[in-house]
Amino acid sequence: MDRLLRAAGGAGLAFLLVLGVVAVLPRGVRDAVPESVIGGAVLVLGAVGARRVVKGSS
């Protein structure tokens, strides 16, 4: 259960990190980046974070 909570926390942190990066981008760049790219970045960062949590505890 602890690993699951850590993985969920890592995915949440990745989501907030990507949103923060997108928020500081200039408006023109932000409008040009498709939402699917942002969503994909969140998924990739979440998967990497979850893998590190699982790999580190075994």
Protein backbone atom coordinates (compact mmCIF):
# COMPACT_ATOMS: atom_id res chain seq x y z
CA MET A 1 0.00 0.00 0.00
CA ASP A 2 2.89 2.31 0.77
CA ARG A 3 4.30 1.83 -2.74
CA LEU A 4 0.94 2.62 -4.26
CA LEU A 5 0.66 5.86 -2.32
CA ARG A 6 4.19 6.84 -3.27
CA ALA A 7 3.50 6.11 -6.93
CA ALA A 8 0.28 8.16 -6.81
CA GLY A 9 2.18 10.97 -5.11
CA GLY A 10 4.87 10.86 -7.79
CA ALA A 11 2.27 11.01 -10.54
CA GLY A 12 0.58 13.93 -8.81
CA LEU A 13 3.87 15.72 -8.43
CA ALA A 14 4.66 15.15 -12.12
CA PHE A 15 1.25 16.58 -13.04
CA LEU A 16 1.85 19.70 -10.96
CA LEU A 17 5.38 20.05 -12.34
CA VAL A 18 4.16 19.95 -15.94
CA LEU A 19 1.37 22.42 -15.16
CA GLY A 20 3.90 24.75 -13.55
CA VAL A 21 6.20 24.58 -16.57
CA VAL A 22 3.30 25.23 -18.93
CA ALA A 23 2.17 28.17 -16.79
CA VAL A 24 5.51 29.97 -17.14
CA LEU A 25 5.67 29.55 -20.91
CA PRO A 26 4.82 32.58 -23.05
CA ARG A 27 1.19 32.61 -24.21
CA GLY A 28 2.10 32.04 -27.88
CA VAL A 29 4.09 28.92 -27.06
CA ARG A 30 1.39 27.69 -24.65
CA ASP A 31 -1.27 28.02 -27.35
CA ALA A 32 0.93 26.24 -29.91
CA VAL A 33 1.55 23.16 -27.74
CA PRO A 34 -1.23 20.58 -28.22
CA GLU A 35 -2.97 19.32 -25.09
CA SER A 36 -2.05 15.76 -26.02
CA VAL A 37 1.64 16.63 -25.68
CA ILE A 38 1.06 17.99 -22.18
CA GLY A 39 -0.95 14.91 -21.24
CA GLY A 40 1.73 12.65 -22.67
CA ALA A 41 4.41 14.43 -20.64
CA VAL A 42 2.36 13.91 -17.48
CA LEU A 43 1.97 10.20 -18.24
CA VAL A 44 5.67 9.71 -19.00
CA LEU A 45 6.80 11.56 -15.88
CA GLY A 46 4.28 9.64 -13.80
CA ALA A 47 5.47 6.32 -15.20
CA VAL A 48 9.11 7.19 -14.57
CA GLY A 49 8.28 8.26 -11.03
CA ALA A 50 6.29 5.09 -10.37
CA ARG A 51 9.09 2.94 -11.77
CA ARG A 52 11.63 4.62 -9.52
CA VAL A 53 9.43 4.03 -6.49
CA VAL A 54 8.92 0.35 -7.30
CA LYS A 55 12.54 -0.18 -8.29
CA GLY A 56 13.89 1.57 -5.20
CA SER A 57 11.88 -0.47 -2.72
CA SER A 58 12.82 -3.92 -4.02
